Amino acid sequence: MVDALIILIVIILLFIALKGSVKHFKGEGSCCKGGSSILKTGEKKLDGPVVSEKRIRVSGMHCENCAETVKRAIDSIEGASGSVDYRSGIAIVRTDRTIDDIAIKKKIEDSGYKVDSIS
């Protein structure tokens, strides 16, 4: 009887863990330095007209909190504004001046994510 009870408890715990993992990887749970609510920042306005637009492939994002973290990193660069989609793993960076790709890559990677490519 005790063995059956232990097995039942283990099955319940595995079910709870699996359910949480599925939500996490679908981007529905709170994770990645976030809470259950996401404090979104608005669109950053650039000082001048857009002179370049870069498409950056970012890996390691699993939810809206991840995307918001990457967006804040991009927006912290003077002259750059970002929009990020965690599902596709793409960040679009618009700039009103020439900004080195290495500077953008460093800001994103310093926020905890990996830049796979910039085009």
PDB file of N, CA and C in Angstrom:
ATOM      1  N   MET A   1       0.815  -1.195   0.000  1.00  0.00           N
ATOM      2  CA  MET A   1       0.000   0.000   0.000  1.00  0.00           C
ATOM      3  C   MET A   1       0.862   1.264   0.000  1.00  0.00           C
ATOM      4  N   VAL A   2       1.941   1.260   0.764  1.00  0.00           N
ATOM      5  CA  VAL A   2       2.836   2.414   0.837  1.00  0.00           C
ATOM      6  C   VAL A   2       3.507   2.635  -0.514  1.00  0.00           C
ATOM      7  N   ASP A   3       3.896   1.548  -1.186  1.00  0.00           N
ATOM      8  CA  ASP A   3       4.524   1.668  -2.505  1.00  0.00           C
ATOM      9  C   ASP A   3       3.573   2.321  -3.511  1.00  0.00           C
ATOM     10  N   ALA A   4       2.317   1.935  -3.486  1.00  0.00           N
ATOM     11  CA  ALA A   4       1.327   2.508  -4.405  1.00  0.00           C
ATOM     12  C   ALA A   4       1.138   4.000  -4.140  1.00  0.00           C
ATOM     13  N   LEU A   5       1.155   4.395  -2.871  1.00  0.00           N
ATOM     14  CA  LEU A   5       1.014   5.794  -2.507  1.00  0.00           C
ATOM     15  C   LEU A   5       2.213   6.615  -2.998  1.00  0.00           C
ATOM     16  N   ILE A   6       3.403   6.077  -2.853  1.00  0.00           N
ATOM     17  CA  ILE A   6       4.615   6.765  -3.308  1.00  0.00           C
ATOM     18  C   ILE A   6       4.598   6.899  -4.831  1.00  0.00           C
ATOM     19  N   ILE A   7       4.193   5.840  -5.514  1.00  0.00           N
ATOM     20  CA  ILE A   7       4.121   5.889  -6.978  1.00  0.00           C
ATOM     21  C   ILE A   7       3.100   6.927  -7.422  1.00  0.00           C
ATOM     22  N   LEU A   8       1.976   6.993  -6.757  1.00  0.00           N
ATOM     23  CA  LEU A   8       0.945   7.981  -7.081  1.00  0.00           C
ATOM     24  C   LEU A   8       1.458   9.406  -6.893  1.00  0.00           C
ATOM     25  N   ILE A   9       2.166   9.645  -5.808  1.00  0.00           N
ATOM     26  CA  ILE A   9       2.728  10.978  -5.541  1.00  0.00           C
ATOM     27  C   ILE A   9       3.745  11.350  -6.625  1.00  0.00           C
ATOM     28  N   VAL A  10       4.595  10.408  -7.015  1.00  0.00           N
ATOM     29  CA  VAL A  10       5.600  10.664  -8.053  1.00  0.00           C
ATOM     30  C   VAL A  10       4.918  10.982  -9.377  1.00  0.00           C
ATOM     31  N   ILE A  11       3.862  10.239  -9.726  1.00  0.00           N
ATOM     32  CA  ILE A  11       3.132  10.490 -10.972  1.00  0.00           C
ATOM     33  C   ILE A  11       2.500  11.884 -10.957  1.00  0.00           C
ATOM     34  N   ILE A  12       1.933  12.270  -9.844  1.00  0.00           N
ATOM     35  CA  ILE A  12       1.325  13.603  -9.727  1.00  0.00           C
ATOM     36  C   ILE A  12       2.382  14.692  -9.894  1.00  0.00           C
ATOM     37  N   LEU A  13       3.524  14.527  -9.249  1.00  0.00           N
ATOM     38  CA  LEU A  13       4.603  15.516  -9.364  1.00  0.00           C
ATOM     39  C   LEU A  13       5.129  15.600 -10.792  1.00  0.00           C
ATOM     40  N   LEU A  14       5.262  14.477 -11.462  1.00  0.00           N
ATOM     41  CA  LEU A  14       5.710  14.482 -12.857  1.00  0.00           C
ATOM     42  C   LEU A  14       4.695  15.188 -13.759  1.00  0.00           C
ATOM     43  N   PHE A  15       3.430  14.971 -13.512  1.00  0.00           N
ATOM     44  CA  PHE A  15       2.385  15.630 -14.288  1.00  0.00           C
ATOM     45  C   PHE A  15       2.451  17.148 -14.116  1.00  0.00           C
ATOM     46  N   ILE A  16       2.606  17.603 -12.895  1.00  0.00           N
ATOM     47  CA  ILE A  16       2.697  19.044 -12.620  1.00  0.00           C
ATOM     48  C   ILE A  16       3.929  19.645 -13.299  1.00  0.00           C
ATOM     49  N   ALA A  17       5.058  18.946 -13.225  1.00  0.00           N
ATOM     50  CA  ALA A  17       6.286  19.438 -13.852  1.00  0.00           C
ATOM     51  C   ALA A  17       6.148  19.486 -15.374  1.00  0.00           C
ATOM     52  N   LEU A  18       5.544  18.462 -15.953  1.00  0.00           N
ATOM     53  CA  LEU A  18       5.360  18.419 -17.403  1.00  0.00           C
ATOM     54  C   LEU A  18       4.425  19.533 -17.865  1.00  0.00           C
ATOM     55  N   LYS A  19       3.364  19.765 -17.134  1.00  0.00           N
ATOM     56  CA  LYS A  19       2.400  20.814 -17.474  1.00  0.00           C
ATOM     57  C   LYS A  19       3.085  22.197 -17.450  1.00  0.00           C
ATOM     58  N   GLY A  20       3.890  22.445 -16.428  1.00  0.00           N
ATOM     59  CA  GLY A  20       4.621  23.708 -16.332  1.00  0.00           C
ATOM     60  C   GLY A  20       5.633  23.874 -17.446  1.00  0.00           C
ATOM     61  N   SER A  21       6.304  22.796 -17.818  1.00  0.00           N
ATOM     62  CA  SER A  21       7.289  22.859 -18.900  1.00  0.00           C
ATOM     63  C   SER A  21       6.630  23.162 -20.235  1.00  0.00           C
ATOM     64  N   VAL A  22       5.505  22.540 -20.496  1.00  0.00           N
ATOM     65  CA  VAL A  22       4.791  22.795 -21.751  1.00  0.00           C
ATOM     66  C   VAL A  22       4.363  24.256 -21.819  1.00  0.00           C
ATOM     67  N   LYS A  23       3.820  24.800 -20.739  1.00  0.00           N
ATOM     68  CA  LYS A  23       3.422  26.210 -20.720  1.00  0.00           C
ATOM     69  C   LYS A  23       4.631  27.113 -20.947  1.00  0.00           C
ATOM     70  N   HIS A  24       5.745  26.772 -20.319  1.00  0.00           N
ATOM     71  CA  HIS A  24       6.961  27.579 -20.440  1.00  0.00           C
ATOM     72  C   HIS A  24       7.415  27.659 -21.892  1.00  0.00           C
ATOM     73  N   PHE A  25       7.524  26.509 -22.558  1.00  0.00           N
ATOM     74  CA  PHE A  25       8.048  26.499 -23.915  1.00  0.00           C
ATOM     75  C   PHE A  25       7.046  27.012 -24.942  1.00  0.00           C
ATOM     76  N   LYS A  26       5.781  27.095 -24.587  1.00  0.00           N
ATOM     77  CA  LYS A  26       4.797  27.732 -25.460  1.00  0.00           C
ATOM     78  C   LYS A  26       4.757  29.236 -25.213  1.00  0.00           C
ATOM     79  N   GLY A  27       5.477  29.708 -24.188  1.00  0.00           N
ATOM     80  CA  GLY A  27       5.525  31.134 -23.877  1.00  0.00           C
ATOM     81  C   GLY A  27       4.336  31.621 -23.091  1.00  0.00           C
ATOM     82  N   GLU A  28       3.630  30.721 -22.423  1.00  0.00           N
ATOM     83  CA  GLU A  28       2.433  31.109 -21.683  1.00  0.00           C
ATOM     84  C   GLU A  28       2.669  31.290 -20.191  1.00  0.00           C
ATOM     85  N   GLY A  29       3.740  30.773 -19.668  1.00  0.00           N
ATOM     86  CA  GLY A  29       3.986  30.874 -18.236  1.00  0.00           C
ATOM     87  C   GLY A  29       4.841  32.073 -17.902  1.00  0.00           C
ATOM     88  N   SER A  30       4.924  32.366 -16.628  1.00  0.00           N
ATOM     89  CA  SER A  30       5.827  33.434 -16.215  1.00  0.00           C
ATOM     90  C   SER A  30       7.207  32.828 -16.031  1.00  0.00           C
ATOM     91  N   CYS A  31       8.170  33.424 -16.671  1.00  0.00           N
ATOM     92  CA  CYS A  31       9.517  32.865 -16.601  1.00  0.00           C
ATOM     93  C   CYS A  31      10.537  33.951 -16.904  1.00  0.00           C
ATOM     94  N   CYS A  32      11.759  33.575 -16.938  1.00  0.00           N
ATOM     95  CA  CYS A  32      12.832  34.389 -17.491  1.00  0.00           C
ATOM     96  C   CYS A  32      12.892  35.792 -16.898  1.00  0.00           C
ATOM     97  N   LYS A  33      13.044  35.891 -15.650  1.00  0.00           N
ATOM     98  CA  LYS A  33      13.191  37.161 -14.947  1.00  0.00           C
ATOM     99  C   LYS A  33      11.893  37.948 -14.881  1.00  0.00           C
ATOM    100  N   GLY A  34      10.807  37.347 -15.257  1.00  0.00           N
ATOM    101  CA  GLY A  34       9.536  38.057 -15.250  1.00  0.00           C
ATOM    102  C   GLY A  34       8.629  37.513 -14.179  1.00  0.00           C
ATOM    103  N   GLY A  35       7.534  38.139 -14.012  1.00  0.00           N
ATOM    104  CA  GLY A  35       6.522  37.660 -13.097  1.00  0.00           C
ATOM    105  C   GLY A  35       5.324  37.218 -13.898  1.00  0.00           C
ATOM    106  N   SER A  36       4.188  37.178 -13.275  1.00  0.00           N
ATOM    107  CA  SER A  36       2.996  36.792 -14.004  1.00  0.00           C
ATOM    108  C   SER A  36       2.492  37.932 -14.875  1.00  0.00           C
ATOM    109  N   SER A  37       3.000  39.124 -14.658  1.00  0.00           N
ATOM    110  CA  SER A  37       2.600  40.243 -15.509  1.00  0.00           C
ATOM    111  C   SER A  37       3.834  40.806 -16.202  1.00  0.00           C
ATOM    112  N   ILE A  38       3.612  41.330 -17.389  1.00  0.00           N
ATOM    113  CA  ILE A  38       4.694  41.866 -18.193  1.00  0.00           C
ATOM    114  C   ILE A  38       4.530  43.377 -18.258  1.00  0.00           C
ATOM    115  N   LEU A  39       5.550  44.083 -17.854  1.00  0.00           N
ATOM    116  CA  LEU A  39       5.536  45.534 -17.955  1.00  0.00           C
ATOM    117  C   LEU A  39       6.149  45.899 -19.299  1.00  0.00           C
ATOM    118  N   LYS A  40       5.293  46.205 -20.261  1.00  0.00           N
ATOM    119  CA  LYS A  40       5.766  46.500 -21.607  1.00  0.00           C
ATOM    120  C   LYS A  40       6.125  47.970 -21.732  1.00  0.00           C
ATOM    121  N   THR A  41       7.198  48.209 -22.454  1.00  0.00           N
ATOM    122  CA  THR A  41       7.575  49.579 -22.768  1.00  0.00           C
ATOM    123  C   THR A  41       6.963  49.937 -24.107  1.00  0.00           C
ATOM    124  N   GLY A  42       6.715  51.187 -24.310  1.00  0.00           N
ATOM    125  CA  GLY A  42       6.142  51.641 -25.580  1.00  0.00           C
ATOM    126  C   GLY A  42       7.193  51.684 -26.667  1.00  0.00           C
ATOM    127  N   GLU A  43       6.756  52.075 -27.826  1.00  0.00           N
ATOM    128  CA  GLU A  43       7.660  52.212 -28.961  1.00  0.00           C
ATOM    129  C   GLU A  43       8.577  53.409 -28.724  1.00  0.00           C
ATOM    130  N   LYS A  44       9.881  53.194 -28.846  1.00  0.00           N
ATOM    131  CA  LYS A  44      10.847  54.276 -28.670  1.00  0.00           C
ATOM    132  C   LYS A  44      10.862  55.124 -29.935  1.00  0.00           C
ATOM    133  N   LYS A  45      10.746  56.420 -29.771  1.00  0.00           N
ATOM    134  CA  LYS A  45      10.797  57.354 -30.892  1.00  0.00           C
ATOM    135  C   LYS A  45      12.246  57.746 -31.153  1.00  0.00           C
ATOM    136  N   LEU A  46      12.634  57.676 -32.401  1.00  0.00           N
ATOM    137  CA  LEU A  46      13.978  58.069 -32.787  1.00  0.00           C
ATOM    138  C   LEU A  46      14.016  59.576 -33.014  1.00  0.00           C
ATOM    139  N   ASP A  47      15.204  60.171 -32.855  1.00  0.00           N
ATOM    140  CA  ASP A  47      15.355  61.618 -33.021  1.00  0.00           C
ATOM    141  C   ASP A  47      15.254  62.051 -34.480  1.00  0.00           C
ATOM    142  N   GLY A  48      15.696  61.200 -35.376  1.00  0.00           N
ATOM    143  CA  GLY A  48      15.686  61.551 -36.797  1.00  0.00           C
ATOM    144  C   GLY A  48      15.018  60.465 -37.612  1.00  0.00           C
ATOM    145  N   PRO A  49      15.093  60.594 -38.932  1.00  0.00           N
ATOM    146  CA  PRO A  49      14.501  59.575 -39.801  1.00  0.00           C
ATOM    147  C   PRO A  49      15.294  58.268 -39.729  1.00  0.00           C
ATOM    148  N   VAL A  50      14.617  57.169 -40.000  1.00  0.00           N
ATOM    149  CA  VAL A  50      15.262  55.856 -39.981  1.00  0.00           C
ATOM    150  C   VAL A  50      16.231  55.769 -41.156  1.00  0.00           C
ATOM    151  N   VAL A  51      17.502  55.478 -40.853  1.00  0.00           N
ATOM    152  CA  VAL A  51      18.511  55.357 -41.904  1.00  0.00           C
ATOM    153  C   VAL A  51      18.899  53.907 -42.157  1.00  0.00           C
ATOM    154  N   SER A  52      18.600  53.024 -41.209  1.00  0.00           N
ATOM    155  CA  SER A  52      18.873  51.602 -41.446  1.00  0.00           C
ATOM    156  C   SER A  52      17.922  50.745 -40.621  1.00  0.00           C
ATOM    157  N   GLU A  53      17.714  49.539 -41.124  1.00  0.00           N
ATOM    158  CA  GLU A  53      16.891  48.560 -40.420  1.00  0.00           C
ATOM    159  C   GLU A  53      17.623  47.233 -40.488  1.00  0.00           C
ATOM    160  N   LYS A  54      17.853  46.640 -39.320  1.00  0.00           N
ATOM    161  CA  LYS A  54      18.594  45.382 -39.251  1.00  0.00           C
ATOM    162  C   LYS A  54      17.698  44.294 -38.687  1.00  0.00           C
ATOM    163  N   ARG A  55      17.851  43.109 -39.224  1.00  0.00           N
ATOM    164  CA  ARG A  55      17.101  41.939 -38.782  1.00  0.00           C
ATOM    165  C   ARG A  55      18.085  41.054 -38.014  1.00  0.00           C
ATOM    166  N   ILE A  56      17.784  40.828 -36.739  1.00  0.00           N
ATOM    167  CA  ILE A  56      18.706  40.083 -35.882  1.00  0.00           C
ATOM    168  C   ILE A  56      18.026  38.812 -35.398  1.00  0.00           C
ATOM    169  N   ARG A  57      18.692  37.678 -35.613  1.00  0.00           N
ATOM    170  CA  ARG A  57      18.181  36.404 -35.113  1.00  0.00           C
ATOM    171  C   ARG A  57      18.759  36.201 -33.712  1.00  0.00           C
ATOM    172  N   VAL A  58      17.840  36.084 -32.728  1.00  0.00           N
ATOM    173  CA  VAL A  58      18.222  35.962 -31.320  1.00  0.00           C
ATOM    174  C   VAL A  58      17.733  34.619 -30.795  1.00  0.00           C
ATOM    175  N   SER A  59      18.602  33.869 -30.137  1.00  0.00           N
ATOM    176  CA  SER A  59      18.173  32.596 -29.556  1.00  0.00           C
ATOM    177  C   SER A  59      18.149  32.692 -28.035  1.00  0.00           C
ATOM    178  N   GLY A  60      17.317  31.854 -27.446  1.00  0.00           N
ATOM    179  CA  GLY A  60      17.207  31.812 -25.988  1.00  0.00           C
ATOM    180  C   GLY A  60      15.955  32.463 -25.447  1.00  0.00           C
ATOM    181  N   MET A  61      15.127  33.043 -26.326  1.00  0.00           N
ATOM    182  CA  MET A  61      13.894  33.673 -25.869  1.00  0.00           C
ATOM    183  C   MET A  61      12.779  32.628 -25.826  1.00  0.00           C
ATOM    184  N   HIS A  62      12.011  32.628 -24.713  1.00  0.00           N
ATOM    185  CA  HIS A  62      10.938  31.648 -24.556  1.00  0.00           C
ATOM    186  C   HIS A  62       9.571  32.284 -24.317  1.00  0.00           C
ATOM    187  N   CYS A  63       9.536  33.587 -24.044  1.00  0.00           N
ATOM    188  CA  CYS A  63       8.261  34.201 -23.676  1.00  0.00           C
ATOM    189  C   CYS A  63       8.309  35.706 -23.932  1.00  0.00           C
ATOM    190  N   GLU A  64       7.185  36.370 -23.633  1.00  0.00           N
ATOM    191  CA  GLU A  64       7.099  37.819 -23.799  1.00  0.00           C
ATOM    192  C   GLU A  64       8.085  38.555 -22.887  1.00  0.00           C
ATOM    193  N   ASN A  65       8.351  37.996 -21.712  1.00  0.00           N
ATOM    194  CA  ASN A  65       9.324  38.637 -20.819  1.00  0.00           C
ATOM    195  C   ASN A  65      10.708  38.647 -21.461  1.00  0.00           C
ATOM    196  N   CYS A  66      11.055  37.547 -22.130  1.00  0.00           N
ATOM    197  CA  CYS A  66      12.340  37.487 -22.830  1.00  0.00           C
ATOM    198  C   CYS A  66      12.394  38.554 -23.926  1.00  0.00           C
ATOM    199  N   ALA A  67      11.325  38.618 -24.729  1.00  0.00           N
ATOM    200  CA  ALA A  67      11.285  39.587 -25.822  1.00  0.00           C
ATOM    201  C   ALA A  67      11.379  41.017 -25.296  1.00  0.00           C
ATOM    202  N   GLU A  68      10.703  41.289 -24.196  1.00  0.00           N
ATOM    203  CA  GLU A  68      10.734  42.637 -23.612  1.00  0.00           C
ATOM    204  C   GLU A  68      12.135  42.974 -23.093  1.00  0.00           C
ATOM    205  N   THR A  69      12.829  41.990 -22.547  1.00  0.00           N
ATOM    206  CA  THR A  69      14.205  42.211 -22.081  1.00  0.00           C
ATOM    207  C   THR A  69      15.116  42.573 -23.241  1.00  0.00           C
ATOM    208  N   VAL A  70      14.986  41.848 -24.359  1.00  0.00           N
ATOM    209  CA  VAL A  70      15.804  42.141 -25.540  1.00  0.00           C
ATOM    210  C   VAL A  70      15.442  43.519 -26.101  1.00  0.00           C
ATOM    211  N   LYS A  71      14.154  43.839 -26.150  1.00  0.00           N
ATOM    212  CA  LYS A  71      13.711  45.155 -26.644  1.00  0.00           C
ATOM    213  C   LYS A  71      14.306  46.276 -25.805  1.00  0.00           C
ATOM    214  N   ARG A  72      14.281  46.112 -24.491  1.00  0.00           N
ATOM    215  CA  ARG A  72      14.864  47.151 -23.616  1.00  0.00           C
ATOM    216  C   ARG A  72      16.352  47.304 -23.851  1.00  0.00           C
ATOM    217  N   ALA A  73      17.034  46.185 -24.102  1.00  0.00           N
ATOM    218  CA  ALA A  73      18.476  46.254 -24.376  1.00  0.00           C
ATOM    219  C   ALA A  73      18.735  47.053 -25.654  1.00  0.00           C
ATOM    220  N   ILE A  74      17.941  46.777 -26.688  1.00  0.00           N
ATOM    221  CA  ILE A  74      18.103  47.505 -27.956  1.00  0.00           C
ATOM    222  C   ILE A  74      17.765  48.979 -27.774  1.00  0.00           C
ATOM    223  N   ASP A  75      16.656  49.246 -27.094  1.00  0.00           N
ATOM    224  CA  ASP A  75      16.229  50.636 -26.892  1.00  0.00           C
ATOM    225  C   ASP A  75      17.199  51.437 -26.036  1.00  0.00           C
ATOM    226  N   SER A  76      18.047  50.767 -25.266  1.00  0.00           N
ATOM    227  CA  SER A  76      19.018  51.487 -24.440  1.00  0.00           C
ATOM    228  C   SER A  76      20.177  52.042 -25.265  1.00  0.00           C
ATOM    229  N   ILE A  77      20.274  51.625 -26.519  1.00  0.00           N
ATOM    230  CA  ILE A  77      21.313  52.140 -27.418  1.00  0.00           C
ATOM    231  C   ILE A  77      20.838  53.477 -27.988  1.00  0.00           C
ATOM    232  N   GLU A  78      21.658  54.490 -27.867  1.00  0.00           N
ATOM    233  CA  GLU A  78      21.326  55.811 -28.396  1.00  0.00           C
ATOM    234  C   GLU A  78      21.169  55.736 -29.913  1.00  0.00           C
ATOM    235  N   GLY A  79      19.999  56.141 -30.405  1.00  0.00           N
ATOM    236  CA  GLY A  79      19.745  56.140 -31.836  1.00  0.00           C
ATOM    237  C   GLY A  79      19.165  54.854 -32.385  1.00  0.00           C
ATOM    238  N   ALA A  80      18.770  53.927 -31.505  1.00  0.00           N
ATOM    239  CA  ALA A  80      18.209  52.644 -31.962  1.00  0.00           C
ATOM    240  C   ALA A  80      16.870  52.381 -31.293  1.00  0.00           C
ATOM    241  N   SER A  81      15.989  51.744 -32.053  1.00  0.00           N
ATOM    242  CA  SER A  81      14.681  51.346 -31.545  1.00  0.00           C
ATOM    243  C   SER A  81      14.423  49.921 -32.012  1.00  0.00           C
ATOM    244  N   GLY A  82      13.893  49.075 -31.107  1.00  0.00           N
ATOM    245  CA  GLY A  82      13.705  47.680 -31.472  1.00  0.00           C
ATOM    246  C   GLY A  82      12.290  47.186 -31.316  1.00  0.00           C
ATOM    247  N   SER A  83      11.982  46.157 -32.079  1.00  0.00           N
ATOM    248  CA  SER A  83      10.757  45.390 -31.891  1.00  0.00           C
ATOM    249  C   SER A  83      11.172  43.923 -31.970  1.00  0.00           C
ATOM    250  N   VAL A  84      10.611  43.094 -31.075  1.00  0.00           N
ATOM    251  CA  VAL A  84      11.086  41.726 -30.929  1.00  0.00           C
ATOM    252  C   VAL A  84       9.911  40.759 -30.925  1.00  0.00           C
ATOM    253  N   ASP A  85      10.063  39.656 -31.653  1.00  0.00           N
ATOM    254  CA  ASP A  85       9.082  38.574 -31.652  1.00  0.00           C
ATOM    255  C   ASP A  85       9.792  37.318 -31.151  1.00  0.00           C
ATOM    256  N   TYR A  86       9.438  36.875 -29.940  1.00  0.00           N
ATOM    257  CA  TYR A  86      10.130  35.720 -29.366  1.00  0.00           C
ATOM    258  C   TYR A  86       9.797  34.433 -30.108  1.00  0.00           C
ATOM    259  N   ARG A  87       8.613  34.340 -30.694  1.00  0.00           N
ATOM    260  CA  ARG A  87       8.216  33.100 -31.393  1.00  0.00           C
ATOM    261  C   ARG A  87       9.097  32.835 -32.611  1.00  0.00           C
ATOM    262  N   SER A  88       9.373  33.880 -33.380  1.00  0.00           N
ATOM    263  CA  SER A  88      10.228  33.712 -34.559  1.00  0.00           C
ATOM    264  C   SER A  88      11.706  33.874 -34.209  1.00  0.00           C
ATOM    265  N   GLY A  89      11.982  34.465 -33.045  1.00  0.00           N
ATOM    266  CA  GLY A  89      13.370  34.701 -32.648  1.00  0.00           C
ATOM    267  C   GLY A  89      14.013  35.847 -33.406  1.00  0.00           C
ATOM    268  N   ILE A  90      13.179  36.776 -33.888  1.00  0.00           N
ATOM    269  CA  ILE A  90      13.685  37.887 -34.701  1.00  0.00           C
ATOM    270  C   ILE A  90      13.481  39.218 -33.979  1.00  0.00           C
ATOM    271  N   ALA A  91      14.535  40.023 -33.995  1.00  0.00           N
ATOM    272  CA  ALA A  91      14.464  41.402 -33.500  1.00  0.00           C
ATOM    273  C   ALA A  91      14.722  42.313 -34.703  1.00  0.00           C
ATOM    274  N   ILE A  92      13.881  43.319 -34.844  1.00  0.00           N
ATOM    275  CA  ILE A  92      14.075  44.327 -35.888  1.00  0.00           C
ATOM    276  C   ILE A  92      14.598  45.581 -35.201  1.00  0.00           C
ATOM    277  N   VAL A  93      15.751  46.052 -35.649  1.00  0.00           N
ATOM    278  CA  VAL A  93      16.377  47.242 -35.069  1.00  0.00           C
ATOM    279  C   VAL A  93      16.386  48.342 -36.115  1.00  0.00           C
ATOM    280  N   ARG A  94      15.750  49.459 -35.783  1.00  0.00           N
ATOM    281  CA  ARG A  94      15.737  50.631 -36.651  1.00  0.00           C
ATOM    282  C   ARG A  94      16.655  51.682 -36.020  1.00  0.00           C
ATOM    283  N   THR A  95      17.448  52.313 -36.855  1.00  0.00           N
ATOM    284  CA  THR A  95      18.387  53.313 -36.329  1.00  0.00           C
ATOM    285  C   THR A  95      18.269  54.619 -37.103  1.00  0.00           C
ATOM    286  N   ASP A  96      18.576  55.704 -36.412  1.00  0.00           N
ATOM    287  CA  ASP A  96      18.586  57.009 -37.068  1.00  0.00           C
ATOM    288  C   ASP A  96      20.006  57.502 -37.312  1.00  0.00           C
ATOM    289  N   ARG A  97      20.959  56.628 -37.116  1.00  0.00           N
ATOM    290  CA  ARG A  97      22.378  56.931 -37.348  1.00  0.00           C
ATOM    291  C   ARG A  97      23.118  55.623 -37.551  1.00  0.00           C
ATOM    292  N   THR A  98      24.364  55.689 -37.902  1.00  0.00           N
ATOM    293  CA  THR A  98      25.157  54.480 -38.092  1.00  0.00           C
ATOM    294  C   THR A  98      25.542  53.916 -36.721  1.00  0.00           C
ATOM    295  N   ILE A  99      25.154  52.672 -36.492  1.00  0.00           N
ATOM    296  CA  ILE A  99      25.493  51.986 -35.246  1.00  0.00           C
ATOM    297  C   ILE A  99      26.153  50.672 -35.619  1.00  0.00           C
ATOM    298  N   ASP A 100      27.293  50.404 -35.016  1.00  0.00           N
ATOM    299  CA  ASP A 100      28.062  49.202 -35.297  1.00  0.00           C
ATOM    300  C   ASP A 100      27.304  47.943 -34.854  1.00  0.00           C
ATOM    301  N   ASP A 101      27.323  46.917 -35.687  1.00  0.00           N
ATOM    302  CA  ASP A 101      26.667  45.647 -35.352  1.00  0.00           C
ATOM    303  C   ASP A 101      27.199  45.051 -34.053  1.00  0.00           C
ATOM    304  N   ILE A 102      28.466  45.251 -33.796  1.00  0.00           N
ATOM    305  CA  ILE A 102      29.085  44.697 -32.582  1.00  0.00           C
ATOM    306  C   ILE A 102      28.472  45.326 -31.331  1.00  0.00           C
ATOM    307  N   ALA A 103      28.163  46.613 -31.385  1.00  0.00           N
ATOM    308  CA  ALA A 103      27.550  47.296 -30.235  1.00  0.00           C
ATOM    309  C   ALA A 103      26.156  46.735 -29.957  1.00  0.00           C
ATOM    310  N   ILE A 104      25.390  46.501 -31.024  1.00  0.00           N
ATOM    311  CA  ILE A 104      24.055  45.937 -30.864  1.00  0.00           C
ATOM    312  C   ILE A 104      24.149  44.520 -30.312  1.00  0.00           C
ATOM    313  N   LYS A 105      25.036  43.728 -30.887  1.00  0.00           N
ATOM    314  CA  LYS A 105      25.225  42.340 -30.433  1.00  0.00           C
ATOM    315  C   LYS A 105      25.619  42.296 -28.960  1.00  0.00           C
ATOM    316  N   LYS A 106      26.531  43.175 -28.558  1.00  0.00           N
ATOM    317  CA  LYS A 106      26.989  43.194 -27.168  1.00  0.00           C
ATOM    318  C   LYS A 106      25.843  43.513 -26.216  1.00  0.00           C
ATOM    319  N   LYS A 107      25.021  44.512 -26.549  1.00  0.00           N
ATOM    320  CA  LYS A 107      23.890  44.882 -25.682  1.00  0.00           C
ATOM    321  C   LYS A 107      22.924  43.711 -25.508  1.00  0.00           C
ATOM    322  N   ILE A 108      22.598  43.034 -26.612  1.00  0.00           N
ATOM    323  CA  ILE A 108      21.664  41.899 -26.538  1.00  0.00           C
ATOM    324  C   ILE A 108      22.277  40.763 -25.741  1.00  0.00           C
ATOM    325  N   GLU A 109      23.525  40.442 -25.999  1.00  0.00           N
ATOM    326  CA  GLU A 109      24.163  39.329 -25.288  1.00  0.00           C
ATOM    327  C   GLU A 109      24.403  39.658 -23.820  1.00  0.00           C
ATOM    328  N   ASP A 110      24.616  40.924 -23.501  1.00  0.00           N
ATOM    329  CA  ASP A 110      24.749  41.322 -22.095  1.00  0.00           C
ATOM    330  C   ASP A 110      23.423  41.157 -21.340  1.00  0.00           C
ATOM    331  N   SER A 111      22.314  41.155 -22.074  1.00  0.00           N
ATOM    332  CA  SER A 111      21.012  40.962 -21.429  1.00  0.00           C
ATOM    333  C   SER A 111      20.685  39.482 -21.243  1.00  0.00           C
ATOM    334  N   GLY A 112      21.560  38.582 -21.709  1.00  0.00           N
ATOM    335  CA  GLY A 112      21.391  37.159 -21.435  1.00  0.00           C
ATOM    336  C   GLY A 112      20.941  36.304 -22.601  1.00  0.00           C
ATOM    337  N   TYR A 113      20.969  36.826 -23.820  1.00  0.00           N
ATOM    338  CA  TYR A 113      20.522  36.084 -24.981  1.00  0.00           C
ATOM    339  C   TYR A 113      21.639  36.005 -26.010  1.00  0.00           C
ATOM    340  N   LYS A 114      21.524  35.099 -26.983  1.00  0.00           N
ATOM    341  CA  LYS A 114      22.588  34.903 -27.960  1.00  0.00           C
ATOM    342  C   LYS A 114      22.154  35.445 -29.314  1.00  0.00           C
ATOM    343  N   VAL A 115      23.027  36.226 -29.943  1.00  0.00           N
ATOM    344  CA  VAL A 115      22.778  36.725 -31.291  1.00  0.00           C
ATOM    345  C   VAL A 115      23.363  35.717 -32.265  1.00  0.00           C
ATOM    346  N   ASP A 116      22.489  35.151 -33.104  1.00  0.00           N
ATOM    347  CA  ASP A 116      22.927  34.166 -34.084  1.00  0.00           C
ATOM    348  C   ASP A 116      23.360  34.804 -35.396  1.00  0.00           C
ATOM    349  N   SER A 117      22.643  35.848 -35.813  1.00  0.00           N
ATOM    350  CA  SER A 117      23.016  36.526 -37.058  1.00  0.00           C
ATOM    351  C   SER A 117      22.413  37.926 -37.105  1.00  0.00           C
ATOM    352  N   ILE A 118      23.060  38.788 -37.887  1.00  0.00           N
ATOM    353  CA  ILE A 118      22.569  40.147 -38.130  1.00  0.00           C
ATOM    354  C   ILE A 118      22.595  40.360 -39.628  1.00  0.00           C
ATOM    355  N   SER A 119      21.462  40.773 -40.172  1.00  0.00           N
ATOM    356  CA  SER A 119      21.416  41.057 -41.615  1.00  0.00           C
ATOM    357  C   SER A 119      20.641  42.328 -41.872  1.00  0.00           C
TER     358      SER A 119
END
